């Protein structure tokens, strides 16, 4: 089991959290996504470490940026 934490900038509401959660959940290998609006922290749980560039692309697809 692998857990990685990323910081996302630009999220301001629950809709932002839902968008990021949805896009990051679609990254291959991701089993769980936990997004904390207040801190911008996104924790990704997967069997193997997930490629950061794939997470970055998913976050950008949702309209936000990795810090």
C-alpha atoms as a PDB file:
ATOM      1  CA  UNK A   1       0.000   0.000   0.000  1.00  0.00           C
ATOM      2  CA  UNK A   2       1.323   3.435  -0.941  1.00  0.00           C
ATOM      3  CA  UNK A   3       0.163   6.813   0.345  1.00  0.00           C
ATOM      4  CA  UNK A   4       1.279  10.030  -1.334  1.00  0.00           C
ATOM      5  CA  UNK A   5       0.341  13.584  -0.409  1.00  0.00           C
ATOM      6  CA  UNK A   6       0.207  16.492  -2.830  1.00  0.00           C
ATOM      7  CA  UNK A   7      -0.717  20.146  -2.365  1.00  0.00           C
ATOM      8  CA  UNK A   8      -3.249  21.694  -4.740  1.00  0.00           C
ATOM      9  CA  UNK A   9      -3.656  25.452  -5.103  1.00  0.00           C
ATOM     10  CA  UNK A  10      -6.773  27.348  -6.086  1.00  0.00           C
ATOM     11  CA  UNK A  11      -9.491  25.276  -4.405  1.00  0.00           C
ATOM     12  CA  UNK A  12     -12.105  27.444  -2.661  1.00  0.00           C
ATOM     13  CA  UNK A  13     -15.228  25.312  -2.139  1.00  0.00           C
ATOM     14  CA  UNK A  14     -16.793  21.873  -1.959  1.00  0.00           C
ATOM     15  CA  UNK A  15     -17.269  21.798  -5.735  1.00  0.00           C
ATOM     16  CA  UNK A  16     -13.496  22.254  -6.120  1.00  0.00           C
ATOM     17  CA  UNK A  17     -12.905  19.302  -3.794  1.00  0.00           C
ATOM     18  CA  UNK A  18     -15.369  17.149  -5.751  1.00  0.00           C
ATOM     19  CA  UNK A  19     -13.738  18.043  -9.082  1.00  0.00           C
ATOM     20  CA  UNK A  20     -10.226  17.220  -7.884  1.00  0.00           C
ATOM     21  CA  UNK A  21     -11.411  14.009  -6.209  1.00  0.00           C
ATOM     22  CA  UNK A  22     -13.174  12.865  -9.376  1.00  0.00           C
ATOM     23  CA  UNK A  23     -10.246  13.543 -11.712  1.00  0.00           C
ATOM     24  CA  UNK A  24      -7.532  12.095  -9.443  1.00  0.00           C
ATOM     25  CA  UNK A  25      -9.683   9.005  -8.774  1.00  0.00           C
ATOM     26  CA  UNK A  26      -9.484   8.227 -12.500  1.00  0.00           C
ATOM     27  CA  UNK A  27      -5.666   7.961 -12.471  1.00  0.00           C
ATOM     28  CA  UNK A  28      -4.614   4.353 -13.061  1.00  0.00           C
ATOM     29  CA  UNK A  29      -3.898   2.510  -9.812  1.00  0.00           C
ATOM     30  CA  UNK A  30      -5.545   5.032  -7.489  1.00  0.00           C
ATOM     31  CA  UNK A  31      -7.701   3.303  -4.871  1.00  0.00           C
ATOM     32  CA  UNK A  32      -8.699   6.250  -2.662  1.00  0.00           C
ATOM     33  CA  UNK A  33      -8.456  10.051  -2.717  1.00  0.00           C
ATOM     34  CA  UNK A  34      -8.859  12.325   0.305  1.00  0.00           C
ATOM     35  CA  UNK A  35      -8.977  16.084  -0.350  1.00  0.00           C
ATOM     36  CA  UNK A  36      -8.816  18.628   2.492  1.00  0.00           C
ATOM     37  CA  UNK A  37     -10.064  22.024   1.285  1.00  0.00           C
ATOM     38  CA  UNK A  38      -8.557  24.109   4.101  1.00  0.00           C
ATOM     39  CA  UNK A  39      -4.977  22.914   3.578  1.00  0.00           C
ATOM     40  CA  UNK A  40      -5.165  21.986  -0.109  1.00  0.00           C
ATOM     41  CA  UNK A  41      -3.773  18.561   0.777  1.00  0.00           C
ATOM     42  CA  UNK A  42      -4.648  15.672  -1.515  1.00  0.00           C
ATOM     43  CA  UNK A  43      -3.780  12.219  -0.196  1.00  0.00           C
ATOM     44  CA  UNK A  44      -3.719   9.419  -2.757  1.00  0.00           C
ATOM     45  CA  UNK A  45      -3.793   5.775  -1.687  1.00  0.00           C
ATOM     46  CA  UNK A  46      -2.757   3.090  -4.162  1.00  0.00           C
ATOM     47  CA  UNK A  47      -1.186  -0.358  -4.280  1.00  0.00           C
ATOM     48  CA  UNK A  48       1.989   1.080  -5.875  1.00  0.00           C
ATOM     49  CA  UNK A  49       3.237   4.690  -5.965  1.00  0.00           C
ATOM     50  CA  UNK A  50       1.369   6.738  -8.569  1.00  0.00           C
ATOM     51  CA  UNK A  51       3.285   8.793 -11.126  1.00  0.00           C
ATOM     52  CA  UNK A  52       3.245  12.445 -10.013  1.00  0.00           C
ATOM     53  CA  UNK A  53       2.879  13.625 -13.612  1.00  0.00           C
ATOM     54  CA  UNK A  54      -0.377  11.647 -13.905  1.00  0.00           C
ATOM     55  CA  UNK A  55      -1.694  13.252 -10.712  1.00  0.00           C
ATOM     56  CA  UNK A  56      -0.577  16.676 -11.954  1.00  0.00           C
ATOM     57  CA  UNK A  57      -2.415  16.150 -15.261  1.00  0.00           C
ATOM     58  CA  UNK A  58      -5.574  15.078 -13.421  1.00  0.00           C
ATOM     59  CA  UNK A  59      -5.448  18.109 -11.120  1.00  0.00           C
ATOM     60  CA  UNK A  60      -4.932  20.398 -14.115  1.00  0.00           C
ATOM     61  CA  UNK A  61      -7.878  18.737 -15.889  1.00  0.00           C
ATOM     62  CA  UNK A  62      -9.984  19.697 -12.877  1.00  0.00           C
ATOM     63  CA  UNK A  63      -8.790  23.298 -13.293  1.00  0.00           C
ATOM     64  CA  UNK A  64      -6.195  23.557 -10.505  1.00  0.00           C
ATOM     65  CA  UNK A  65      -2.425  23.304 -10.020  1.00  0.00           C
ATOM     66  CA  UNK A  66      -0.086  21.209  -7.893  1.00  0.00           C
ATOM     67  CA  UNK A  67       2.006  23.462  -5.672  1.00  0.00           C
END
